[in-house]
N, C-alpha and C. Protein backbone atom coordinates (compact mmCIF):
# COMPACT_ATOMS: atom_id res chain seq x y z
N MET A 1 35.36 -32.52 15.32
CA MET A 1 35.12 -31.50 14.37
C MET A 1 34.19 -30.37 14.88
N ILE A 2 33.08 -30.75 15.39
CA ILE A 2 32.17 -29.74 16.00
C ILE A 2 32.82 -29.06 17.10
N ALA A 3 33.43 -29.89 18.00
CA ALA A 3 34.12 -29.27 19.21
C ALA A 3 35.18 -28.28 18.89
N ALA A 4 36.00 -28.74 17.88
CA ALA A 4 37.07 -27.80 17.39
C ALA A 4 36.66 -26.57 16.76
N GLN A 5 35.48 -26.61 16.05
CA GLN A 5 34.91 -25.32 15.45
C GLN A 5 34.38 -24.40 16.49
N ILE A 6 33.70 -24.99 17.53
CA ILE A 6 33.23 -24.14 18.62
C ILE A 6 34.33 -23.48 19.38
N LYS A 7 35.38 -24.26 19.66
CA LYS A 7 36.51 -23.65 20.36
C LYS A 7 37.15 -22.52 19.57
N GLY A 8 37.31 -22.80 18.18
CA GLY A 8 37.84 -21.73 17.30
C GLY A 8 37.10 -20.42 17.38
N ILE A 9 35.75 -20.58 17.34
CA ILE A 9 34.86 -19.44 17.34
C ILE A 9 34.90 -18.65 18.66
N ILE A 10 34.80 -19.38 19.83
CA ILE A 10 34.82 -18.95 21.10
C ILE A 10 36.18 -18.16 21.39
N ASP A 11 37.32 -18.69 20.90
CA ASP A 11 38.53 -17.95 21.01
C ASP A 11 38.56 -16.66 20.31
N GLU A 12 37.72 -16.53 19.32
CA GLU A 12 37.68 -15.14 18.56
C GLU A 12 36.77 -14.18 19.29
N LEU A 13 35.85 -14.61 20.11
CA LEU A 13 34.89 -13.75 20.60
C LEU A 13 35.37 -12.85 21.81
N PRO A 14 35.10 -11.58 21.77
CA PRO A 14 35.43 -10.84 22.90
C PRO A 14 34.76 -11.22 24.20
N GLN A 15 35.27 -10.78 25.36
CA GLN A 15 34.56 -11.10 26.60
C GLN A 15 33.15 -10.54 26.52
N GLY A 16 32.27 -11.32 27.06
CA GLY A 16 30.85 -10.87 27.11
C GLY A 16 30.01 -11.14 25.88
N VAL A 17 30.51 -11.70 24.80
CA VAL A 17 29.77 -11.96 23.63
C VAL A 17 29.34 -13.46 23.69
N GLN A 18 28.08 -13.65 23.49
CA GLN A 18 27.48 -15.11 23.66
C GLN A 18 27.37 -15.71 22.30
N LEU A 19 27.82 -16.91 22.25
CA LEU A 19 27.67 -17.81 21.00
C LEU A 19 26.41 -18.58 21.10
N VAL A 20 25.52 -18.41 20.16
CA VAL A 20 24.31 -19.19 20.04
C VAL A 20 24.67 -20.14 18.78
N ALA A 21 24.72 -21.45 19.02
CA ALA A 21 25.04 -22.41 18.08
C ALA A 21 23.71 -22.77 17.35
N VAL A 22 23.55 -22.34 16.10
CA VAL A 22 22.30 -22.55 15.39
C VAL A 22 22.23 -23.99 14.86
N SER A 23 21.39 -24.70 15.64
CA SER A 23 21.28 -26.18 15.36
C SER A 23 20.08 -26.63 14.56
N LYS A 24 19.36 -25.66 13.97
CA LYS A 24 18.21 -25.91 13.10
C LYS A 24 18.69 -26.92 11.97
N TYR A 25 17.83 -27.94 11.64
CA TYR A 25 18.11 -28.94 10.66
C TYR A 25 19.21 -29.92 10.94
N HIS A 26 19.93 -29.68 12.13
CA HIS A 26 20.95 -30.64 12.52
C HIS A 26 20.47 -31.65 13.57
N THR A 27 21.09 -32.76 13.70
CA THR A 27 20.55 -33.83 14.50
C THR A 27 20.85 -33.57 16.06
N VAL A 28 20.10 -34.39 16.80
CA VAL A 28 20.26 -34.51 18.19
C VAL A 28 21.73 -34.87 18.55
N ALA A 29 22.24 -35.76 17.80
CA ALA A 29 23.65 -36.25 17.94
C ALA A 29 24.64 -35.15 17.79
N ASP A 30 24.41 -34.25 16.86
CA ASP A 30 25.31 -33.08 16.54
C ASP A 30 25.13 -32.10 17.73
N ILE A 31 23.96 -31.91 18.26
CA ILE A 31 23.78 -31.01 19.35
C ILE A 31 24.43 -31.53 20.63
N ARG A 32 24.39 -32.91 20.73
CA ARG A 32 25.00 -33.46 21.94
C ARG A 32 26.45 -33.43 21.88
N GLU A 33 26.95 -33.48 20.68
CA GLU A 33 28.54 -33.31 20.53
C GLU A 33 28.96 -31.87 20.91
N ALA A 34 28.11 -30.84 20.45
CA ALA A 34 28.44 -29.45 20.80
C ALA A 34 28.25 -29.25 22.29
N TYR A 35 27.21 -29.91 22.80
CA TYR A 35 26.97 -29.80 24.31
C TYR A 35 28.19 -30.39 25.09
N ASN A 36 28.71 -31.48 24.68
CA ASN A 36 29.80 -32.12 25.33
C ASN A 36 31.06 -31.26 25.22
N ALA A 37 31.01 -30.40 24.32
CA ALA A 37 32.23 -29.48 24.04
C ALA A 37 32.07 -28.25 24.88
N GLY A 38 31.04 -28.14 25.71
CA GLY A 38 30.79 -27.08 26.62
C GLY A 38 29.72 -26.04 26.21
N GLN A 39 29.20 -26.15 24.91
CA GLN A 39 28.28 -25.24 24.36
C GLN A 39 26.87 -25.46 25.04
N ARG A 40 26.22 -24.31 25.48
CA ARG A 40 24.92 -24.48 26.10
C ARG A 40 23.84 -23.70 25.39
N HIS A 41 24.14 -22.67 24.68
CA HIS A 41 23.02 -21.90 23.99
C HIS A 41 22.93 -22.39 22.60
N PHE A 42 21.71 -22.91 22.27
CA PHE A 42 21.41 -23.40 20.86
C PHE A 42 20.23 -22.62 20.35
N GLY A 43 20.27 -22.40 19.00
CA GLY A 43 19.20 -21.70 18.31
C GLY A 43 18.46 -22.55 17.35
N GLU A 44 17.14 -22.50 17.44
CA GLU A 44 16.20 -23.17 16.49
C GLU A 44 15.23 -22.15 15.95
N ASN A 45 14.61 -22.60 14.73
CA ASN A 45 13.73 -21.63 14.16
C ASN A 45 12.30 -22.19 13.73
N ARG A 46 12.16 -23.48 14.19
CA ARG A 46 10.84 -24.14 13.93
C ARG A 46 10.38 -24.76 15.30
N VAL A 47 9.12 -24.40 15.59
CA VAL A 47 8.66 -24.82 16.97
C VAL A 47 8.56 -26.39 17.11
N GLN A 48 8.05 -27.03 16.08
CA GLN A 48 7.92 -28.52 16.11
C GLN A 48 9.33 -29.10 16.31
N GLU A 49 10.30 -28.75 15.62
CA GLU A 49 11.63 -29.27 15.65
C GLU A 49 12.26 -28.95 16.97
N LEU A 50 12.07 -27.73 17.48
CA LEU A 50 12.61 -27.34 18.75
C LEU A 50 12.05 -28.22 19.91
N THR A 51 10.65 -28.39 19.95
CA THR A 51 10.04 -29.12 21.06
C THR A 51 10.51 -30.57 21.00
N ALA A 52 10.61 -31.16 19.81
CA ALA A 52 11.08 -32.51 19.72
C ALA A 52 12.53 -32.72 20.21
N LYS A 53 13.42 -31.79 19.88
CA LYS A 53 14.80 -31.88 20.29
C LYS A 53 14.94 -31.64 21.82
N GLN A 54 14.15 -30.66 22.35
CA GLN A 54 14.26 -30.23 23.76
C GLN A 54 13.86 -31.41 24.58
N ALA A 55 12.96 -32.33 24.18
CA ALA A 55 12.52 -33.43 24.97
C ALA A 55 13.61 -34.53 25.09
N LEU A 56 14.60 -34.48 24.11
CA LEU A 56 15.57 -35.55 24.04
C LEU A 56 16.94 -35.11 24.64
N LEU A 57 17.07 -33.85 24.97
CA LEU A 57 18.42 -33.30 25.31
C LEU A 57 18.46 -32.88 26.73
N PRO A 58 19.67 -32.63 27.29
CA PRO A 58 19.83 -32.16 28.71
C PRO A 58 19.03 -30.95 29.05
N THR A 59 18.57 -30.85 30.22
CA THR A 59 17.62 -29.78 30.60
C THR A 59 18.36 -28.47 30.94
N ASP A 60 19.64 -28.49 31.00
CA ASP A 60 20.42 -27.19 31.26
C ASP A 60 20.67 -26.50 29.92
N ILE A 61 20.18 -27.03 28.78
CA ILE A 61 20.43 -26.23 27.53
C ILE A 61 19.59 -25.03 27.55
N LYS A 62 20.19 -23.89 27.02
CA LYS A 62 19.39 -22.66 26.93
C LYS A 62 18.98 -22.52 25.48
N TRP A 63 17.74 -22.69 25.29
CA TRP A 63 17.14 -22.69 23.91
C TRP A 63 16.83 -21.30 23.50
N ASN A 64 17.29 -20.92 22.31
CA ASN A 64 17.01 -19.52 21.78
C ASN A 64 16.19 -19.83 20.48
N PHE A 65 14.96 -19.17 20.53
CA PHE A 65 14.15 -19.25 19.31
C PHE A 65 14.53 -18.09 18.33
N ILE A 66 15.05 -18.45 17.23
CA ILE A 66 15.64 -17.35 16.33
C ILE A 66 14.75 -17.07 15.09
N GLY A 67 13.73 -17.80 14.82
CA GLY A 67 13.02 -17.65 13.60
C GLY A 67 11.70 -16.78 13.79
N HIS A 68 11.01 -16.68 12.75
CA HIS A 68 9.69 -15.98 12.76
C HIS A 68 8.75 -16.90 13.57
N LEU A 69 8.22 -16.28 14.65
CA LEU A 69 7.34 -17.02 15.55
C LEU A 69 5.88 -16.62 15.42
N GLN A 70 4.99 -17.58 15.20
CA GLN A 70 3.58 -17.40 15.04
C GLN A 70 2.97 -17.27 16.46
N THR A 71 2.03 -16.41 16.67
CA THR A 71 1.45 -16.26 18.06
C THR A 71 0.81 -17.58 18.47
N ASN A 72 0.21 -18.34 17.59
CA ASN A 72 -0.48 -19.52 18.08
C ASN A 72 0.56 -20.66 18.37
N LYS A 73 1.85 -20.41 18.25
CA LYS A 73 2.75 -21.46 18.59
C LYS A 73 3.54 -21.15 19.81
N VAL A 74 3.33 -19.94 20.32
CA VAL A 74 4.20 -19.52 21.48
C VAL A 74 4.00 -20.51 22.74
N LYS A 75 2.77 -21.02 22.85
CA LYS A 75 2.37 -21.83 24.07
C LYS A 75 3.25 -23.13 24.06
N TYR A 76 3.75 -23.61 22.96
CA TYR A 76 4.52 -24.76 22.88
C TYR A 76 5.95 -24.64 23.36
N ILE A 77 6.49 -23.45 23.34
CA ILE A 77 7.88 -23.24 23.80
C ILE A 77 7.97 -22.38 24.96
N ALA A 78 6.83 -21.77 25.41
CA ALA A 78 6.83 -20.95 26.63
C ALA A 78 7.42 -21.57 27.84
N PRO A 79 7.16 -22.90 28.11
CA PRO A 79 7.66 -23.53 29.29
C PRO A 79 9.10 -23.59 29.50
N PHE A 80 9.88 -23.50 28.44
CA PHE A 80 11.27 -23.73 28.53
C PHE A 80 12.18 -22.83 27.76
N VAL A 81 11.74 -21.98 26.80
CA VAL A 81 12.63 -21.11 25.98
C VAL A 81 13.29 -20.18 26.88
N THR A 82 14.63 -19.91 26.57
CA THR A 82 15.41 -18.87 27.34
C THR A 82 15.26 -17.45 26.70
N LEU A 83 15.38 -17.42 25.42
CA LEU A 83 15.38 -16.12 24.71
C LEU A 83 14.67 -16.25 23.36
N ILE A 84 13.74 -15.32 23.13
CA ILE A 84 13.07 -15.22 21.81
C ILE A 84 13.72 -14.06 21.07
N HIS A 85 14.36 -14.39 19.94
CA HIS A 85 15.18 -13.39 19.39
C HIS A 85 14.36 -12.44 18.32
N ALA A 86 13.25 -12.86 17.85
CA ALA A 86 12.67 -12.25 16.62
C ALA A 86 11.25 -11.77 16.95
N VAL A 87 11.04 -11.03 18.01
CA VAL A 87 9.74 -10.44 18.33
C VAL A 87 9.54 -9.31 17.34
N ASP A 88 8.56 -9.59 16.33
CA ASP A 88 8.38 -8.63 15.22
C ASP A 88 7.00 -7.96 15.18
N SER A 89 6.20 -8.11 16.31
CA SER A 89 5.01 -7.33 16.46
C SER A 89 4.59 -7.22 17.96
N GLU A 90 3.80 -6.14 18.26
CA GLU A 90 3.39 -5.97 19.63
C GLU A 90 2.40 -7.11 19.99
N ARG A 91 1.71 -7.60 19.04
CA ARG A 91 0.81 -8.74 19.31
C ARG A 91 1.56 -9.96 19.77
N LEU A 92 2.66 -10.24 19.16
CA LEU A 92 3.50 -11.37 19.56
C LEU A 92 4.03 -11.14 20.95
N LEU A 93 4.51 -9.95 21.21
CA LEU A 93 5.00 -9.66 22.53
C LEU A 93 3.97 -9.91 23.60
N GLN A 94 2.82 -9.43 23.42
CA GLN A 94 1.64 -9.65 24.36
C GLN A 94 1.32 -11.12 24.57
N GLU A 95 1.32 -11.88 23.46
CA GLU A 95 1.09 -13.36 23.47
C GLU A 95 2.25 -14.01 24.32
N ILE A 96 3.45 -13.64 24.14
CA ILE A 96 4.51 -14.26 24.97
C ILE A 96 4.32 -13.93 26.42
N ASP A 97 3.91 -12.71 26.69
CA ASP A 97 3.66 -12.26 28.08
C ASP A 97 2.61 -13.23 28.69
N ARG A 98 1.50 -13.44 27.94
CA ARG A 98 0.36 -14.22 28.34
C ARG A 98 0.78 -15.61 28.69
N GLN A 99 1.54 -16.24 27.70
CA GLN A 99 1.96 -17.62 27.91
C GLN A 99 3.00 -17.79 28.93
N ALA A 100 3.95 -16.86 29.12
CA ALA A 100 4.91 -16.93 30.11
C ALA A 100 4.25 -16.89 31.52
N GLN A 101 3.16 -16.02 31.59
CA GLN A 101 2.42 -15.90 32.94
C GLN A 101 1.80 -17.23 33.29
N ARG A 102 1.21 -17.90 32.29
CA ARG A 102 0.62 -19.17 32.47
C ARG A 102 1.58 -20.22 33.08
N CYS A 103 2.89 -20.13 32.60
CA CYS A 103 3.91 -21.01 32.99
C CYS A 103 4.65 -20.54 34.30
N GLY A 104 4.34 -19.38 34.79
CA GLY A 104 4.92 -18.80 35.94
C GLY A 104 6.47 -18.50 35.74
N ARG A 105 6.70 -17.93 34.41
CA ARG A 105 8.00 -17.70 34.02
C ARG A 105 8.01 -16.21 33.55
N THR A 106 9.29 -15.68 33.51
CA THR A 106 9.49 -14.49 32.65
C THR A 106 10.40 -14.87 31.48
N ILE A 107 9.90 -14.44 30.38
CA ILE A 107 10.70 -14.83 29.05
C ILE A 107 11.38 -13.61 28.47
N ASP A 108 12.64 -13.68 28.32
CA ASP A 108 13.45 -12.57 27.66
C ASP A 108 13.21 -12.47 26.23
N CYS A 109 13.07 -11.35 25.71
CA CYS A 109 12.72 -11.13 24.29
C CYS A 109 13.66 -10.05 23.69
N LEU A 110 13.89 -10.23 22.40
CA LEU A 110 14.59 -9.20 21.54
C LEU A 110 13.57 -8.69 20.51
N LEU A 111 13.53 -7.43 20.37
CA LEU A 111 12.71 -6.78 19.21
C LEU A 111 13.46 -6.89 17.94
N GLN A 112 12.83 -7.45 16.96
CA GLN A 112 13.54 -7.57 15.70
C GLN A 112 13.36 -6.41 14.77
N LEU A 113 14.52 -5.78 14.31
CA LEU A 113 14.53 -4.74 13.45
C LEU A 113 14.75 -5.19 12.04
N HIS A 114 14.09 -4.63 11.09
CA HIS A 114 14.16 -4.93 9.65
C HIS A 114 14.95 -3.73 9.15
N VAL A 115 16.24 -3.96 8.74
CA VAL A 115 17.03 -2.93 8.16
C VAL A 115 17.64 -3.39 6.86
N ALA A 116 17.47 -4.66 6.57
CA ALA A 116 18.06 -5.23 5.25
C ALA A 116 17.38 -4.77 3.97
N GLN A 117 18.04 -4.83 2.94
CA GLN A 117 17.43 -4.34 1.63
C GLN A 117 16.73 -5.43 1.02
N GLU A 118 15.94 -6.14 1.78
CA GLU A 118 15.06 -7.31 1.18
C GLU A 118 13.75 -7.20 1.86
N GLU A 119 12.78 -7.54 1.02
CA GLU A 119 11.32 -7.60 1.59
C GLU A 119 11.06 -8.89 2.34
N THR A 120 11.88 -9.85 2.24
CA THR A 120 11.55 -11.19 2.72
C THR A 120 11.68 -11.24 4.30
N LYS A 121 12.52 -10.35 4.86
CA LYS A 121 12.69 -10.45 6.27
C LYS A 121 11.67 -9.78 7.12
N PHE A 122 11.43 -10.30 8.24
CA PHE A 122 10.41 -9.76 9.13
C PHE A 122 11.01 -8.67 10.03
N GLY A 123 10.11 -8.05 10.80
CA GLY A 123 10.61 -7.09 11.81
C GLY A 123 10.07 -5.72 11.74
N PHE A 124 10.29 -4.93 12.76
CA PHE A 124 9.91 -3.54 12.77
C PHE A 124 10.98 -2.71 11.99
N SER A 125 10.56 -1.64 11.36
CA SER A 125 11.47 -0.68 10.81
C SER A 125 11.95 0.02 12.11
N PRO A 126 13.14 0.75 12.10
CA PRO A 126 13.49 1.32 13.33
C PRO A 126 12.45 2.42 13.78
N GLN A 127 11.77 3.13 12.84
CA GLN A 127 10.70 4.09 13.28
C GLN A 127 9.52 3.41 13.88
N GLU A 128 9.16 2.19 13.31
CA GLU A 128 7.97 1.45 13.81
C GLU A 128 8.31 1.00 15.26
N CYS A 129 9.54 0.52 15.45
CA CYS A 129 9.90 0.10 16.71
C CYS A 129 9.91 1.23 17.83
N LEU A 130 10.38 2.36 17.43
CA LEU A 130 10.33 3.53 18.31
C LEU A 130 8.92 4.03 18.59
N ASP A 131 8.04 3.92 17.54
CA ASP A 131 6.62 4.38 17.72
C ASP A 131 5.88 3.37 18.74
N MET A 132 6.15 2.08 18.56
CA MET A 132 5.59 1.11 19.35
C MET A 132 6.06 1.28 20.92
N LEU A 133 7.30 1.58 21.08
CA LEU A 133 7.78 1.76 22.47
C LEU A 133 7.20 3.12 23.02
N ALA A 134 7.04 4.17 22.19
CA ALA A 134 6.53 5.42 22.68
C ALA A 134 5.05 5.28 23.13
N GLN A 135 4.29 4.40 22.52
CA GLN A 135 2.89 4.19 22.96
C GLN A 135 2.79 3.57 24.29
N GLY A 136 3.87 2.85 24.73
CA GLY A 136 4.02 2.52 26.13
C GLY A 136 3.21 1.32 26.72
N ARG A 137 2.41 0.62 25.79
CA ARG A 137 1.62 -0.53 26.29
C ARG A 137 2.50 -1.61 26.85
N TRP A 138 3.71 -1.73 26.25
CA TRP A 138 4.69 -2.72 26.68
C TRP A 138 5.08 -2.65 28.16
N LYS A 139 4.93 -1.45 28.72
CA LYS A 139 5.27 -1.32 30.13
C LYS A 139 4.30 -2.03 31.07
N GLU A 140 3.15 -2.45 30.53
CA GLU A 140 2.18 -3.19 31.37
C GLU A 140 2.53 -4.74 31.41
N LEU A 141 3.41 -5.19 30.54
CA LEU A 141 3.65 -6.57 30.49
C LEU A 141 4.48 -7.02 31.76
N THR A 142 4.17 -8.11 32.38
CA THR A 142 4.85 -8.51 33.52
C THR A 142 5.69 -9.82 33.34
N HIS A 143 5.53 -10.51 32.21
CA HIS A 143 6.28 -11.74 32.13
C HIS A 143 7.00 -11.87 30.78
N ALA A 144 7.00 -10.88 29.95
CA ALA A 144 7.77 -10.74 28.74
C ALA A 144 8.74 -9.60 28.99
N ARG A 145 10.03 -9.81 28.91
CA ARG A 145 10.95 -8.74 29.26
C ARG A 145 11.78 -8.45 28.05
N ILE A 146 11.66 -7.14 27.57
CA ILE A 146 12.44 -6.64 26.41
C ILE A 146 13.91 -6.48 26.86
N CYS A 147 14.81 -7.22 26.31
CA CYS A 147 16.19 -7.18 26.70
C CYS A 147 17.15 -6.61 25.66
N GLY A 148 16.64 -6.27 24.45
CA GLY A 148 17.53 -5.73 23.48
C GLY A 148 16.91 -5.88 22.13
N LEU A 149 17.78 -5.87 21.10
CA LEU A 149 17.34 -5.89 19.63
C LEU A 149 18.08 -7.01 18.89
N MET A 150 17.38 -7.48 17.89
CA MET A 150 17.96 -8.43 16.95
C MET A 150 17.74 -7.95 15.54
N GLY A 151 18.73 -8.25 14.62
CA GLY A 151 18.54 -7.94 13.25
C GLY A 151 19.46 -8.70 12.37
N MET A 152 19.14 -8.70 11.04
CA MET A 152 19.91 -9.31 10.05
C MET A 152 20.33 -8.27 9.05
N ALA A 153 21.58 -8.43 8.60
CA ALA A 153 22.08 -7.51 7.45
C ALA A 153 21.62 -8.05 6.18
N THR A 154 21.65 -7.12 5.18
CA THR A 154 21.29 -7.50 3.77
C THR A 154 22.16 -8.62 3.38
N ASN A 155 21.55 -9.62 2.77
CA ASN A 155 22.28 -10.82 2.18
C ASN A 155 23.03 -10.36 0.87
N THR A 156 24.27 -9.99 1.16
CA THR A 156 25.09 -9.44 0.13
C THR A 156 26.60 -9.73 0.40
N THR A 157 27.48 -9.66 -0.53
CA THR A 157 28.86 -9.58 -0.23
C THR A 157 29.53 -8.31 -0.02
N ASP A 158 28.65 -7.28 -0.18
CA ASP A 158 29.11 -5.86 0.00
C ASP A 158 29.33 -5.63 1.47
N GLU A 159 30.57 -5.62 2.04
CA GLU A 159 30.78 -5.41 3.35
C GLU A 159 30.42 -4.11 3.89
N THR A 160 30.48 -3.06 3.06
CA THR A 160 30.04 -1.74 3.46
C THR A 160 28.58 -1.73 3.77
N ARG A 161 27.76 -2.39 2.95
CA ARG A 161 26.28 -2.43 3.18
C ARG A 161 26.03 -3.21 4.49
N ILE A 162 26.69 -4.40 4.70
CA ILE A 162 26.51 -5.15 5.90
C ILE A 162 26.79 -4.31 7.12
N ARG A 163 27.99 -3.63 7.05
CA ARG A 163 28.44 -2.81 8.24
C ARG A 163 27.37 -1.68 8.53
N GLN A 164 26.90 -1.10 7.44
CA GLN A 164 25.82 -0.05 7.63
C GLN A 164 24.64 -0.56 8.22
N ASP A 165 24.14 -1.75 7.88
CA ASP A 165 22.97 -2.39 8.50
C ASP A 165 23.23 -2.65 9.94
N PHE A 166 24.34 -3.22 10.31
CA PHE A 166 24.59 -3.50 11.75
C PHE A 166 24.79 -2.17 12.46
N HIS A 167 25.41 -1.14 11.90
CA HIS A 167 25.57 0.21 12.54
C HIS A 167 24.22 0.77 12.82
N THR A 168 23.29 0.69 11.94
CA THR A 168 21.89 1.12 12.16
C THR A 168 21.20 0.48 13.30
N ILE A 169 21.38 -0.88 13.42
CA ILE A 169 20.79 -1.55 14.59
C ILE A 169 21.42 -1.08 15.85
N LYS A 170 22.71 -0.88 15.89
CA LYS A 170 23.44 -0.51 17.08
C LYS A 170 22.95 0.89 17.51
N GLN A 171 22.87 1.80 16.51
CA GLN A 171 22.37 3.20 16.86
C GLN A 171 21.03 3.22 17.38
N CYS A 172 20.20 2.39 16.82
CA CYS A 172 18.74 2.25 17.36
C CYS A 172 18.70 1.73 18.74
N PHE A 173 19.60 0.71 19.04
CA PHE A 173 19.72 0.15 20.36
C PHE A 173 20.13 1.31 21.32
N ASN A 174 21.11 2.04 21.00
CA ASN A 174 21.64 3.14 21.85
C ASN A 174 20.46 4.11 22.17
N GLN A 175 19.77 4.44 21.11
CA GLN A 175 18.62 5.45 21.26
C GLN A 175 17.55 4.89 22.26
N ILE A 176 17.18 3.67 22.00
CA ILE A 176 16.08 2.94 22.77
C ILE A 176 16.54 2.83 24.25
N GLN A 177 17.84 2.37 24.38
CA GLN A 177 18.40 2.19 25.73
C GLN A 177 18.33 3.55 26.51
N THR A 178 18.74 4.59 25.84
CA THR A 178 18.78 5.94 26.52
C THR A 178 17.35 6.41 26.89
N GLU A 179 16.42 6.26 25.90
CA GLU A 179 15.02 6.78 26.08
C GLU A 179 14.11 5.98 26.97
N TYR A 180 14.29 4.64 26.95
CA TYR A 180 13.28 3.77 27.61
C TYR A 180 13.88 2.90 28.65
N PHE A 181 15.19 2.56 28.59
CA PHE A 181 15.71 1.57 29.52
C PHE A 181 16.90 1.92 30.25
N ALA A 182 17.05 3.29 30.46
CA ALA A 182 18.28 3.78 31.11
C ALA A 182 18.40 3.20 32.50
N ASP A 183 17.34 2.85 33.17
CA ASP A 183 17.49 2.30 34.52
C ASP A 183 17.18 0.74 34.57
N SER A 184 17.39 0.18 33.38
CA SER A 184 17.13 -1.30 33.26
C SER A 184 18.34 -2.00 32.70
N PRO A 185 19.21 -2.50 33.64
CA PRO A 185 20.44 -3.07 33.23
C PRO A 185 20.24 -4.32 32.35
N TYR A 186 19.14 -4.94 32.37
CA TYR A 186 18.83 -6.18 31.53
C TYR A 186 18.74 -5.80 30.03
N PHE A 187 18.38 -4.56 29.72
CA PHE A 187 18.37 -4.13 28.34
C PHE A 187 19.75 -3.98 27.86
N SER A 188 20.43 -5.08 27.43
CA SER A 188 21.82 -5.07 27.12
C SER A 188 22.30 -5.88 25.98
N GLN A 189 21.33 -6.49 25.27
CA GLN A 189 21.65 -7.47 24.25
C GLN A 189 21.42 -7.06 22.82
N ILE A 190 22.37 -7.26 22.02
CA ILE A 190 22.13 -7.10 20.48
C ILE A 190 22.41 -8.36 19.83
N SER A 191 21.63 -8.87 19.08
CA SER A 191 21.80 -10.22 18.46
C SER A 191 21.93 -9.91 16.92
N MET A 192 23.20 -9.95 16.45
CA MET A 192 23.40 -9.79 15.00
C MET A 192 24.68 -10.40 14.67
N GLY A 193 24.75 -10.96 13.43
CA GLY A 193 25.97 -11.65 12.96
C GLY A 193 25.70 -13.13 12.84
N MET A 194 25.88 -13.68 11.66
CA MET A 194 25.84 -15.07 11.45
C MET A 194 27.15 -15.57 10.86
N SER A 195 27.23 -16.91 10.47
CA SER A 195 28.50 -17.48 10.02
C SER A 195 29.28 -16.63 9.08
N HIS A 196 28.55 -15.95 8.19
CA HIS A 196 29.31 -15.25 7.03
C HIS A 196 29.59 -13.76 7.42
N ASP A 197 28.97 -13.28 8.45
CA ASP A 197 29.15 -11.78 8.67
C ASP A 197 29.40 -11.50 10.08
N TYR A 198 29.65 -12.54 10.99
CA TYR A 198 29.69 -12.14 12.38
C TYR A 198 31.00 -11.33 12.70
N SER A 199 32.09 -11.46 11.98
CA SER A 199 33.22 -10.65 12.35
C SER A 199 32.93 -9.12 12.18
N ILE A 200 32.09 -8.83 11.19
CA ILE A 200 31.62 -7.34 11.09
C ILE A 200 30.77 -7.01 12.20
N ALA A 201 29.82 -7.97 12.65
CA ALA A 201 28.95 -7.63 13.77
C ALA A 201 29.73 -7.40 15.00
N LEU A 202 30.77 -8.12 15.24
CA LEU A 202 31.59 -7.93 16.39
C LEU A 202 32.15 -6.59 16.41
N GLN A 203 32.56 -6.10 15.30
CA GLN A 203 33.22 -4.65 15.22
C GLN A 203 32.07 -3.70 15.48
N GLU A 204 30.87 -4.00 15.15
CA GLU A 204 29.73 -3.02 15.28
C GLU A 204 28.99 -3.15 16.64
N GLY A 205 29.51 -4.08 17.50
CA GLY A 205 29.02 -3.99 18.91
C GLY A 205 27.95 -5.04 19.29
N THR A 206 27.89 -6.13 18.45
CA THR A 206 26.97 -7.21 18.89
C THR A 206 27.35 -7.80 20.21
N THR A 207 26.34 -8.39 20.93
CA THR A 207 26.63 -9.11 22.14
C THR A 207 26.30 -10.64 21.95
N ILE A 208 25.60 -10.91 20.84
CA ILE A 208 25.13 -12.43 20.64
C ILE A 208 25.47 -12.59 19.15
N VAL A 209 26.18 -13.67 18.85
CA VAL A 209 26.25 -14.16 17.44
C VAL A 209 25.52 -15.53 17.25
N ARG A 210 24.92 -15.66 16.06
CA ARG A 210 24.18 -16.86 15.80
C ARG A 210 24.88 -17.55 14.64
N ILE A 211 25.59 -18.66 15.03
CA ILE A 211 26.47 -19.31 14.10
C ILE A 211 26.07 -20.81 13.92
N GLY A 212 25.77 -21.13 12.72
CA GLY A 212 25.31 -22.60 12.38
C GLY A 212 26.25 -23.31 11.51
N SER A 213 26.34 -22.83 10.23
CA SER A 213 27.12 -23.65 9.21
C SER A 213 28.53 -23.75 9.55
N LYS A 214 29.13 -22.68 10.22
CA LYS A 214 30.57 -22.72 10.51
C LYS A 214 30.83 -23.76 11.63
N ILE A 215 29.78 -24.10 12.40
CA ILE A 215 29.96 -25.22 13.47
C ILE A 215 29.58 -26.51 12.97
N PHE A 216 28.44 -26.60 12.34
CA PHE A 216 27.81 -27.93 12.10
C PHE A 216 27.93 -28.34 10.57
N GLY A 217 28.50 -27.35 9.77
CA GLY A 217 28.52 -27.67 8.37
C GLY A 217 27.18 -27.20 7.68
N ALA A 218 27.09 -27.23 6.39
CA ALA A 218 25.97 -26.66 5.60
C ALA A 218 24.71 -27.54 5.92
């Protein structure tokens, strides 16, 4: 079942788009089944759950942290995390840099944009993100690497609204890439699209989709 779902999704994805299987709240056995089907990128949003699973599963899994990350929890995942999707403050970025340095690693990060019509989501507004980059302190970081942007669309059935949100993220990505990362090929990732809206995200230029319920069930 899980293997078939993964194959179906991967067959839909354009070349170069990465599937992150969102395994939060699902069992180690479920993750192992997905792993045995060839899936390597998994997404978790709670530090305690992630560290517990990471200890029990193969070491070549690429763990993506996709939730709101508190600065005091970074140290627990810094030794192994592959990509942190939701960097929503400069303070968090600096702490990731500090903890990655302690581990002798470079950790790839995505800046989280808040474009949805809801107050509950975290992230920079596009203008806050541009202001933070303009101040330039991030250029001094040596072990946290900004590789792109992440964002969520408004939780709605209105496809026009969803498309508009994803379009805003892509436009912001293009602007930031041109202004700050023109000579940095690693700034290439846009993480947007989940089980219910990833087909729109693909049309709007995402490079990473975060899919959970469509693979593992609700």
